[in-house]
Amino acid sequence: MISIRRRLLLGTVLAVALSSAVASGAAWFSVRAHLIAAADTDLHADAERLLSQLRQRGDELHWAGMGMGNATAASPEGWWVVVDERGSVRLSSPGGAAIAQTADGPTTMPDGRPGRIGHATGTVTAVGGRGRWGSEAPGGNNTLTCRVAKADTALQGTLSAVAWALGTATAVAAILAGFAALVLVRTVIRPVDRIAQAIAASRPEDERIAVEADSVPCELRGMVERADAFLAAAHDLLQRERRTAGNIAHELRTPLAGLAATIDHALARERDGAEYRQALARSRAVVTDTIHMVERLLLLTRLESGREPARRENIKIRAALMAALAGVSAEARQRGIVLPEVSGISAQQVAGDPDHLGLVLRNLLDNAVSHAVDGSAVTVTFEQHAADVVLRIANPAPTLSPDQVAQLAEPFFRGDGGRGATGRHAGLGLALCRRLASLNGWDIACTSEAGVFTATLRMTSTTSDLVPLA
């Protein structure tokens, strides 16, 4: 592909050359028309002069056949002929009779050269004489037409000289335009080259292009700002990848280190079967939690890459909520946390993927139970807003700042900073919930006010008989 520099250079030169050629052509045609008009005017003037000479010598005219005294002595250069109103030749220069019936304008001369003809018509008085000229008697008025022809060699030479001069001017203008365009293109392209070099030298670690904003032309400012935005996004993505890699390493190191410590402790001395079974059970719990964390990481990766499919079905909220409550009931009983009853829910249904809704409800309830104060209660409420179902899960918990609440959707973020890195509380739950909700057309919002943390899930309803959950 032709570079911008060459395009500008060739475009400028061609534009100037074409403009000059058009202007030169228009000038040449204008000069040609003027010269032809002047030549025709001269031919008409010559014819008038010849006719005037005939009038001045009218008292010496004699009807002597085809002769007319010595009028030929006053003839102009070129060829001329005098004809009467019937077209009969009455007087001519040598060879002039050939142009007696030729119209004015360009024609071929008697000697074969190109030329032009002009004429003048007037009356001439004849006196005395021995013969007749037509039917007029001596002393009558004769209407005569005088035609004059000249070769246009000089005219064509002038036009050729003008054409050569205009062509030379056009060529010189194109050459000068080339030099001017070269300087202009260098000036115009210099900022583009500087920006291109800055973009080429940019790294993902850079947050913006190394170009001063004041040095960027206004026409390119939008492009530079867009490139800065892409570079900032790339920098943010790189930082997130690095944080994710570090978080994964940290989350895996702690349970694996605990697993290694449990195995080392069990192997430190001979033990009975019950002690070995107890150590294996603890190891199994650590491995299970680690597998659970890895599975959530894989799901999060599929969600962010757009490879997680979503089915569209009618989901019964009661069944999905009962399954999610069953998954957290053991920990709730152990800590004396009261869970809500589901008897108040009849046949409410929402649209979405059943597996995704189960994951969202389980993560939200697990988060609520894990952070609720011992002996408190987790509440679940339903509301209907137009065609939406709004589910709120609330639990008593330390109040988080607005910045902390905004970061809860980030993977590996822990609001309280005090959860253990066992794989179960790795800061992935709310990040998964947000992405699963977005995939299914739902919405999740979190608030933390007055010692109560509330997660609000808004879904599209497929039924209208919603009953508040007691």
Protein backbone atom coordinates (compact mmCIF):
# COMPACT_ATOMS: atom_id res chain seq x y z
CA MET A 1 0.00 0.00 0.00
CA ILE A 2 1.24 3.48 -0.87
CA SER A 3 2.33 5.46 2.16
CA ILE A 4 0.54 8.62 3.26
CA ARG A 5 3.63 10.67 2.43
CA ARG A 6 3.66 9.47 -1.18
CA ARG A 7 -0.08 9.90 -1.50
CA LEU A 8 0.10 13.50 -0.35
CA LEU A 9 3.09 14.21 -2.57
CA LEU A 10 1.60 12.64 -5.70
CA GLY A 11 -1.82 14.12 -4.97
CA THR A 12 -0.42 17.64 -4.60
CA VAL A 13 1.70 17.41 -7.76
CA LEU A 14 -1.13 15.93 -9.82
CA ALA A 15 -3.60 18.52 -8.53
CA VAL A 16 -1.28 21.41 -9.41
CA ALA A 17 -0.37 19.89 -12.78
CA LEU A 18 -4.01 19.25 -13.66
CA SER A 19 -5.05 22.74 -12.55
CA SER A 20 -2.22 24.30 -14.53
CA ALA A 21 -3.06 22.21 -17.60
CA VAL A 22 -6.71 23.22 -17.44
CA ALA A 23 -5.78 26.88 -16.96
CA SER A 24 -3.24 26.71 -19.79
CA GLY A 25 -5.78 25.06 -22.10
CA ALA A 26 -8.36 27.70 -21.29
CA ALA A 27 -5.78 30.44 -21.88
CA TRP A 28 -4.70 28.88 -25.21
CA PHE A 29 -8.28 28.68 -26.49
CA SER A 30 -8.89 32.26 -25.36
CA VAL A 31 -5.75 33.50 -27.17
CA ARG A 32 -6.66 31.45 -30.25
CA ALA A 33 -10.16 32.94 -30.37
CA HIS A 34 -8.73 36.43 -29.96
CA LEU A 35 -6.11 35.95 -32.71
CA ILE A 36 -8.66 34.46 -35.11
CA ALA A 37 -11.04 37.35 -34.44
CA ALA A 38 -8.20 39.81 -35.06
CA ALA A 39 -7.24 38.01 -38.31
CA ASP A 40 -10.87 38.09 -39.51
CA THR A 41 -11.07 41.78 -38.64
CA ASP A 42 -7.88 42.43 -40.65
CA LEU A 43 -9.26 40.51 -43.66
CA HIS A 44 -12.49 42.50 -43.53
CA ALA A 45 -10.48 45.75 -43.28
CA ASP A 46 -8.38 44.74 -46.31
CA ALA A 47 -11.54 44.01 -48.28
CA GLU A 48 -12.99 47.39 -47.27
CA ARG A 49 -9.79 49.15 -48.32
CA LEU A 50 -9.83 47.44 -51.71
CA LEU A 51 -13.48 48.36 -52.18
CA SER A 52 -12.68 51.94 -51.18
CA GLN A 53 -9.98 52.09 -53.83
CA LEU A 54 -12.49 50.92 -56.41
CA ARG A 55 -14.88 53.70 -55.37
CA GLN A 56 -12.14 56.33 -55.53
CA ARG A 57 -11.21 55.24 -59.07
CA GLY A 58 -14.80 54.87 -60.17
CA ASP A 59 -14.56 57.76 -62.77
CA GLU A 60 -11.88 55.79 -64.65
CA LEU A 61 -13.76 52.52 -64.88
CA HIS A 62 -14.51 51.38 -68.39
CA TRP A 63 -16.58 48.46 -69.61
CA ALA A 64 -13.68 46.68 -71.16
CA GLY A 65 -14.52 43.06 -70.83
CA MET A 66 -13.04 41.60 -67.63
CA GLY A 67 -10.61 44.43 -67.09
CA MET A 68 -10.96 47.35 -64.72
CA GLY A 69 -8.18 49.74 -65.48
CA ASN A 70 -5.05 49.34 -63.39
CA ALA A 71 -6.87 48.55 -60.12
CA THR A 72 -4.62 45.54 -59.54
CA ALA A 73 -1.83 47.85 -58.52
CA ALA A 74 -3.59 48.64 -55.28
CA SER A 75 -4.33 45.01 -54.30
CA PRO A 76 -3.49 43.69 -50.78
CA GLU A 77 -1.14 40.79 -50.09
CA GLY A 78 -2.60 37.36 -50.64
CA TRP A 79 -5.48 36.69 -53.02
CA TRP A 80 -8.49 38.81 -53.78
CA VAL A 81 -11.44 38.81 -56.11
CA VAL A 82 -14.27 41.22 -56.94
CA VAL A 83 -17.64 39.75 -57.92
CA ASP A 84 -20.92 41.39 -58.76
CA GLU A 85 -24.25 40.63 -57.18
CA ARG A 86 -24.81 37.78 -59.65
CA GLY A 87 -21.53 36.11 -58.58
CA SER A 88 -19.65 36.91 -61.76
CA VAL A 89 -15.95 37.63 -61.35
CA ARG A 90 -15.20 41.18 -62.43
CA LEU A 91 -11.67 41.57 -61.18
CA SER A 92 -9.13 39.37 -59.35
CA SER A 93 -5.52 38.90 -58.49
CA PRO A 94 -3.64 36.04 -60.14
CA GLY A 95 -5.39 32.87 -58.90
CA GLY A 96 -7.94 34.90 -56.95
CA ALA A 97 -10.90 33.64 -58.99
CA ALA A 98 -10.64 30.33 -57.09
CA ILE A 99 -12.03 31.99 -53.94
CA ALA A 100 -14.95 33.76 -55.65
CA GLN A 101 -17.60 31.45 -54.12
CA THR A 102 -15.84 30.54 -50.86
CA ALA A 103 -17.51 31.53 -47.59
CA ASP A 104 -15.72 33.49 -44.88
CA GLY A 105 -13.61 31.60 -42.37
CA PRO A 106 -10.95 28.91 -42.60
CA THR A 107 -10.33 27.39 -45.99
CA THR A 108 -7.58 26.20 -48.34
CA MET A 109 -5.68 28.81 -50.32
CA PRO A 110 -5.13 28.56 -54.09
CA ASP A 111 -1.57 27.40 -53.40
CA GLY A 112 -2.75 24.62 -51.05
CA ARG A 113 -1.87 26.25 -47.73
CA PRO A 114 -4.48 26.72 -44.99
CA GLY A 115 -5.80 30.26 -44.62
CA ARG A 116 -8.84 32.43 -43.95
CA ILE A 117 -11.20 34.56 -46.09
CA GLY A 118 -12.96 37.82 -45.36
CA HIS A 119 -15.19 40.05 -47.49
CA ALA A 120 -16.77 43.50 -47.83
CA THR A 121 -19.79 44.51 -49.95
CA GLY A 122 -20.60 47.98 -51.32
CA THR A 123 -21.66 50.01 -54.36
CA VAL A 124 -19.33 51.38 -57.04
CA THR A 125 -20.44 53.95 -59.70
CA ALA A 126 -19.39 53.24 -63.32
CA VAL A 127 -19.05 56.13 -65.82
CA GLY A 128 -18.36 56.18 -69.60
CA GLY A 129 -17.19 53.14 -71.41
CA ARG A 130 -17.44 51.22 -74.61
CA GLY A 131 -19.29 48.23 -73.46
CA ARG A 132 -21.86 46.90 -71.00
CA TRP A 133 -21.34 45.42 -67.61
CA GLY A 134 -24.40 43.47 -66.99
CA SER A 135 -27.50 45.56 -67.63
CA GLU A 136 -26.28 48.73 -65.99
CA ALA A 137 -25.79 51.78 -68.17
CA PRO A 138 -22.79 54.01 -67.69
CA GLY A 139 -23.18 56.10 -64.57
CA GLY A 140 -25.18 53.39 -62.75
CA ASN A 141 -24.43 51.92 -59.32
CA ASN A 142 -22.88 48.46 -59.21
CA THR A 143 -23.10 46.30 -56.03
CA LEU A 144 -19.76 44.55 -55.73
CA THR A 145 -18.34 42.10 -53.20
CA CYS A 146 -14.64 42.03 -52.56
CA ARG A 147 -13.20 38.81 -51.06
CA VAL A 148 -9.69 38.74 -49.58
CA ALA A 149 -7.82 35.56 -48.56
CA LYS A 150 -4.58 35.17 -46.67
CA ALA A 151 -2.59 32.16 -45.53
CA ASP A 152 -2.64 31.79 -41.71
CA THR A 153 0.95 30.59 -41.39
CA ALA A 154 1.77 33.46 -39.07
CA LEU A 155 -1.36 32.77 -37.00
CA GLN A 156 -0.51 29.10 -36.61
CA GLY A 157 3.06 30.01 -35.71
CA THR A 158 1.83 32.38 -33.02
CA LEU A 159 -0.53 29.75 -31.63
CA SER A 160 2.25 27.18 -31.57
CA ALA A 161 4.50 29.60 -29.71
CA VAL A 162 1.73 30.32 -27.20
CA ALA A 163 1.07 26.58 -26.73
CA TRP A 164 4.75 25.88 -26.15
CA ALA A 165 4.98 28.74 -23.65
CA LEU A 166 1.91 27.56 -21.75
CA GLY A 167 3.10 23.96 -21.77
CA THR A 168 6.48 25.04 -20.43
CA ALA A 169 4.75 27.07 -17.72
CA THR A 170 2.64 24.05 -16.78
CA ALA A 171 5.70 21.81 -16.53
CA VAL A 172 7.59 24.37 -14.47
CA ALA A 173 4.54 24.78 -12.18
CA ALA A 174 4.37 21.00 -11.68
CA ILE A 175 8.07 20.83 -10.82
CA LEU A 176 7.82 23.74 -8.40
CA ALA A 177 4.69 22.17 -6.93
CA GLY A 178 6.65 18.96 -6.40
CA PHE A 179 9.32 20.76 -4.38
CA ALA A 180 6.70 22.74 -2.46
CA ALA A 181 4.69 19.57 -1.81
CA LEU A 182 7.81 17.80 -0.55
CA VAL A 183 8.38 20.52 2.02
CA LEU A 184 4.68 20.67 2.89
CA VAL A 185 4.36 16.90 3.24
CA ARG A 186 7.36 16.74 5.54
CA THR A 187 5.82 19.42 7.70
CA VAL A 188 2.40 17.75 7.76
CA ILE A 189 3.65 14.19 8.25
CA ARG A 190 6.17 15.03 10.96
CA PRO A 191 3.58 14.93 13.79
CA VAL A 192 2.17 11.68 12.41
CA ASP A 193 5.65 10.13 12.31
CA ARG A 194 6.30 11.29 15.87
CA ILE A 195 3.03 9.79 17.11
CA ALA A 196 3.61 6.55 15.19
CA GLN A 197 7.08 6.20 16.69
CA ALA A 198 5.71 6.89 20.16
CA ILE A 199 3.00 4.25 19.70
CA ALA A 200 5.54 1.73 18.37
CA ALA A 201 7.77 2.37 21.37
CA SER A 202 4.92 2.01 23.88
CA ARG A 203 4.86 -1.00 26.20
CA PRO A 204 1.96 -2.59 28.08
CA GLU A 205 3.47 -1.16 31.28
CA ASP A 206 2.97 2.38 29.97
CA GLU A 207 -0.27 4.13 30.85
CA ARG A 208 -0.15 6.60 27.94
CA ILE A 209 1.74 7.43 24.76
CA ALA A 210 4.90 9.44 25.30
CA VAL A 211 3.66 12.46 23.32
CA GLU A 212 3.02 15.91 24.69
CA ALA A 213 -0.63 16.86 24.29
CA ASP A 214 0.26 20.37 23.08
CA SER A 215 2.32 18.96 20.21
CA VAL A 216 -0.53 16.85 18.81
CA PRO A 217 -2.53 18.52 15.99
CA CYS A 218 -6.22 18.86 16.74
CA GLU A 219 -7.05 16.54 13.82
CA LEU A 220 -5.03 13.72 15.46
CA ARG A 221 -5.97 14.43 19.07
CA GLY A 222 -8.92 12.05 19.03
CA MET A 223 -6.75 9.23 17.69
CA VAL A 224 -4.09 9.84 20.35
CA GLU A 225 -6.71 9.94 23.10
CA ARG A 226 -8.18 6.69 21.82
CA ALA A 227 -4.73 5.11 21.73
CA ASP A 228 -4.12 6.34 25.28
CA ALA A 229 -7.40 4.70 26.32
CA PHE A 230 -6.38 1.39 24.74
CA LEU A 231 -2.97 1.61 26.33
CA ALA A 232 -4.50 2.35 29.72
CA ALA A 233 -6.84 -0.63 29.27
CA ALA A 234 -3.88 -2.85 28.32
CA HIS A 235 -1.95 -1.58 31.35
CA ASP A 236 -4.94 -2.28 33.61
CA LEU A 237 -5.36 -5.75 32.09
CA LEU A 238 -1.68 -6.51 32.62
CA GLN A 239 -1.87 -5.37 36.24
CA ARG A 240 -4.98 -7.47 36.78
CA GLU A 241 -3.28 -10.52 35.28
CA ARG A 242 -0.32 -10.01 37.53
CA ARG A 243 -2.53 -9.56 40.58
CA THR A 244 -4.57 -12.61 39.58
CA ALA A 245 -1.45 -14.73 39.15
CA GLY A 246 -0.17 -13.56 42.55
CA ASN A 247 -3.54 -14.16 44.20
CA ILE A 248 -3.83 -17.65 42.71
CA ALA A 249 -0.34 -18.50 43.90
CA HIS A 250 -1.18 -17.17 47.37
CA GLU A 251 -4.52 -18.98 47.58
CA LEU A 252 -2.96 -22.27 46.48
CA ARG A 253 0.14 -21.95 48.64
CA THR A 254 -1.73 -21.68 51.95
CA PRO A 255 -3.92 -24.81 51.62
CA LEU A 256 -1.10 -26.80 50.05
CA ALA A 257 1.22 -25.74 52.85
CA GLY A 258 -1.46 -26.80 55.37
CA LEU A 259 -1.86 -30.12 53.55
CA ALA A 260 1.89 -30.68 53.61
CA ALA A 261 1.99 -29.83 57.34
CA THR A 262 -0.85 -32.29 58.07
CA ILE A 263 0.93 -35.06 56.16
CA ASP A 264 4.27 -34.31 57.85
CA HIS A 265 2.59 -34.36 61.25
CA ALA A 266 0.95 -37.69 60.50
CA LEU A 267 4.26 -39.18 59.33
CA ALA A 268 6.32 -37.80 62.18
CA ARG A 269 5.73 -40.96 64.28
CA GLU A 270 3.84 -44.18 64.28
CA ARG A 271 0.11 -43.66 64.88
CA ASP A 272 -2.92 -45.84 65.11
CA GLY A 273 -5.52 -46.13 62.40
CA ALA A 274 -7.90 -43.58 63.92
CA GLU A 275 -5.25 -40.86 63.95
CA TYR A 276 -4.34 -41.59 60.36
CA ARG A 277 -7.99 -41.45 59.34
CA GLN A 278 -8.34 -38.11 61.13
CA ALA A 279 -5.29 -36.70 59.30
CA LEU A 280 -6.60 -37.99 55.97
CA ALA A 281 -9.99 -36.40 56.63
CA ARG A 282 -8.36 -33.03 57.30
CA SER A 283 -6.28 -33.43 54.14
CA ARG A 284 -9.38 -34.38 52.20
CA ALA A 285 -11.16 -31.23 53.40
CA VAL A 286 -8.25 -29.04 52.30
CA VAL A 287 -8.10 -30.75 48.89
CA THR A 288 -11.88 -30.40 48.47
CA ASP A 289 -11.76 -26.69 49.25
CA THR A 290 -8.83 -26.24 46.87
CA ILE A 291 -10.64 -28.09 44.08
CA HIS A 292 -13.69 -25.93 44.73
CA MET A 293 -11.58 -22.77 44.36
CA VAL A 294 -9.97 -24.03 41.14
CA GLU A 295 -13.39 -24.86 39.69
CA ARG A 296 -14.60 -21.35 40.47
CA LEU A 297 -11.48 -19.92 38.85
CA LEU A 298 -12.14 -21.96 35.72
CA LEU A 299 -15.77 -20.80 35.66
CA LEU A 300 -14.65 -17.20 36.10
CA THR A 301 -12.22 -17.62 33.20
CA ARG A 302 -14.97 -19.00 30.96
CA LEU A 303 -17.27 -16.15 31.91
CA GLU A 304 -14.70 -13.46 31.18
CA SER A 305 -13.76 -15.06 27.84
CA GLY A 306 -17.40 -15.48 26.77
CA ARG A 307 -17.19 -19.29 26.59
CA GLU A 308 -19.76 -20.05 29.31
CA PRO A 309 -23.15 -20.98 27.79
CA ALA A 310 -26.41 -19.89 29.42
CA ARG A 311 -29.69 -21.80 29.07
CA ARG A 312 -32.97 -19.89 29.07
CA GLU A 313 -35.57 -21.67 31.22
CA ASN A 314 -38.30 -20.96 33.74
CA ILE A 315 -36.76 -21.52 37.18
CA LYS A 316 -38.74 -22.17 40.35
CA ILE A 317 -37.24 -19.91 42.99
CA ARG A 318 -38.43 -22.07 45.89
CA ALA A 319 -36.51 -25.15 44.77
CA ALA A 320 -33.35 -23.14 43.97
CA LEU A 321 -33.47 -21.32 47.33
CA MET A 322 -34.08 -24.53 49.31
CA ALA A 323 -31.05 -26.17 47.67
CA ALA A 324 -28.88 -23.13 48.44
CA LEU A 325 -30.09 -22.97 52.08
CA ALA A 326 -29.38 -26.68 52.53
CA GLY A 327 -25.79 -26.07 51.50
CA VAL A 328 -25.17 -23.52 54.29
CA SER A 329 -27.45 -24.96 57.00
CA ALA A 330 -24.68 -26.96 58.69
CA GLU A 331 -22.45 -23.96 59.32
CA ALA A 332 -25.49 -21.86 60.33
CA ARG A 333 -26.54 -24.41 62.99
CA GLN A 334 -22.99 -24.66 64.28
CA ARG A 335 -22.82 -20.90 64.81
CA GLY A 336 -26.39 -20.42 65.92
CA ILE A 337 -27.40 -18.38 62.88
CA VAL A 338 -31.11 -18.45 62.01
CA LEU A 339 -31.95 -19.05 58.35
CA PRO A 340 -35.28 -18.00 56.72
CA GLU A 341 -38.12 -20.40 56.03
CA VAL A 342 -39.26 -20.97 52.45
CA SER A 343 -42.86 -21.91 53.21
CA GLY A 344 -44.06 -18.46 52.05
CA ILE A 345 -42.95 -19.05 48.46
CA SER A 346 -45.50 -20.70 46.20
CA ALA A 347 -44.83 -21.01 42.45
CA GLN A 348 -42.66 -17.97 41.71
CA GLN A 349 -40.56 -18.43 38.57
CA VAL A 350 -37.83 -16.41 36.91
CA ALA A 351 -36.10 -16.69 33.53
CA GLY A 352 -32.50 -17.84 33.32
CA ASP A 353 -30.09 -20.75 33.68
CA PRO A 354 -30.99 -23.00 36.66
CA ASP A 355 -27.37 -23.98 37.35
CA HIS A 356 -26.27 -20.34 37.30
CA LEU A 357 -29.06 -19.28 39.66
CA GLY A 358 -28.10 -22.08 42.03
CA LEU A 359 -24.47 -20.90 42.06
CA VAL A 360 -25.50 -17.29 42.62
CA LEU A 361 -27.87 -18.10 45.53
CA ARG A 362 -25.36 -20.49 47.13
CA ASN A 363 -22.55 -17.92 46.95
CA LEU A 364 -24.73 -15.10 48.30
CA LEU A 365 -26.04 -17.22 51.20
CA ASP A 366 -22.60 -18.65 51.91
CA ASN A 367 -21.20 -15.11 52.04
CA ALA A 368 -24.07 -14.02 54.33
CA VAL A 369 -23.61 -16.91 56.77
CA SER A 370 -19.83 -16.65 56.79
CA HIS A 371 -19.86 -12.95 57.75
CA ALA A 372 -22.96 -12.87 59.95
CA VAL A 373 -22.49 -12.37 63.68
CA ASP A 374 -22.84 -15.59 65.68
CA GLY A 375 -26.38 -16.02 66.97
CA SER A 376 -27.84 -13.50 64.49
CA ALA A 377 -30.20 -14.13 61.57
CA VAL A 378 -29.89 -14.07 57.80
CA THR A 379 -32.99 -12.61 56.14
CA VAL A 380 -34.32 -13.15 52.64
CA THR A 381 -37.07 -10.94 51.22
CA PHE A 382 -38.93 -10.91 47.91
CA GLU A 383 -40.45 -7.93 46.15
CA GLN A 384 -42.07 -7.43 42.78
CA HIS A 385 -41.35 -4.34 40.67
CA ALA A 386 -43.28 -4.40 37.37
CA ALA A 387 -42.00 -7.51 35.57
CA ASP A 388 -38.99 -8.02 37.88
CA VAL A 389 -38.45 -10.09 40.98
CA VAL A 390 -36.18 -8.51 43.58
CA LEU A 391 -34.52 -10.81 46.12
CA ARG A 392 -32.59 -9.33 49.03
CA ILE A 393 -30.26 -11.33 51.27
CA ALA A 394 -29.11 -9.43 54.36
CA ASN A 395 -26.88 -10.31 57.32
CA PRO A 396 -25.36 -8.39 60.23
CA ALA A 397 -21.71 -7.64 59.49
CA PRO A 398 -19.09 -4.94 60.04
CA THR A 399 -19.85 -1.90 57.90
CA LEU A 400 -17.73 -1.59 54.76
CA SER A 401 -16.72 1.68 53.17
CA PRO A 402 -18.22 2.62 49.76
CA ASP A 403 -14.82 1.95 48.15
CA GLN A 404 -14.70 -1.53 49.67
CA VAL A 405 -18.26 -2.27 48.50
CA ALA A 406 -17.32 -1.16 44.97
CA GLN A 407 -14.36 -3.57 44.98
CA LEU A 408 -16.35 -6.61 46.06
CA ALA A 409 -16.89 -7.62 42.42
CA GLU A 410 -13.10 -7.86 41.90
CA PRO A 411 -11.68 -11.38 42.10
CA PHE A 412 -9.73 -12.18 45.28
CA PHE A 413 -10.90 -9.03 47.08
CA ARG A 414 -11.78 -9.57 50.75
CA GLY A 415 -13.79 -6.83 52.36
CA ASP A 416 -12.72 -7.56 55.92
CA GLY A 417 -9.24 -8.85 55.07
CA GLY A 418 -9.59 -11.51 57.79
CA ARG A 419 -10.73 -14.60 55.96
CA GLY A 420 -8.43 -17.53 55.75
CA ALA A 421 -6.98 -18.58 52.43
CA THR A 422 -8.37 -22.10 52.52
CA GLY A 423 -9.90 -22.01 49.05
CA ARG A 424 -13.42 -21.48 50.35
CA HIS A 425 -13.19 -17.75 51.01
CA ALA A 426 -10.82 -16.64 48.28
CA GLY A 427 -12.78 -13.54 47.30
CA LEU A 428 -14.29 -15.15 44.18
CA GLY A 429 -17.93 -15.51 45.23
CA LEU A 430 -19.28 -12.04 44.48
CA ALA A 431 -17.12 -11.75 41.34
CA LEU A 432 -18.73 -14.94 40.03
CA CYS A 433 -22.20 -13.75 41.05
CA ARG A 434 -21.82 -10.47 39.18
CA ARG A 435 -20.67 -12.17 35.98
CA LEU A 436 -23.27 -14.95 36.12
CA ALA A 437 -25.99 -12.38 36.70
CA SER A 438 -24.82 -10.29 33.75
CA LEU A 439 -24.76 -13.38 31.52
CA ASN A 440 -28.40 -14.18 32.37
CA GLY A 441 -29.70 -10.62 32.21
CA TRP A 442 -29.93 -10.22 35.98
CA ASP A 443 -28.46 -7.52 38.17
CA ILE A 444 -26.69 -7.65 41.54
CA ALA A 445 -26.08 -4.67 43.82
CA CYS A 446 -24.43 -4.63 47.25
CA THR A 447 -24.80 -2.15 50.11
CA SER A 448 -23.32 -1.92 53.60
CA GLU A 449 -25.12 0.39 56.00
CA ALA A 450 -25.57 0.54 59.78
CA GLY A 451 -23.92 -2.82 60.38
CA VAL A 452 -26.02 -4.70 57.80
CA PHE A 453 -24.67 -6.06 54.53
CA THR A 454 -27.32 -6.51 51.81
CA ALA A 455 -27.02 -8.21 48.42
CA THR A 456 -29.89 -7.42 46.03
CA LEU A 457 -30.59 -9.73 43.09
CA ARG A 458 -33.03 -8.45 40.43
CA MET A 459 -34.39 -11.01 37.94
CA THR A 460 -37.07 -11.14 35.23
CA SER A 461 -40.25 -12.79 36.47
CA THR A 462 -42.29 -15.31 34.48
CA THR A 463 -45.13 -15.41 37.05
CA SER A 464 -47.16 -12.74 38.80
CA ASP A 465 -48.25 -14.47 42.06
CA LEU A 466 -45.33 -13.30 44.18
CA VAL A 467 -45.77 -13.59 47.92
CA PRO A 468 -43.35 -11.92 50.37
CA LEU A 469 -41.20 -14.45 52.23
CA ALA A 470 -41.87 -14.35 55.98
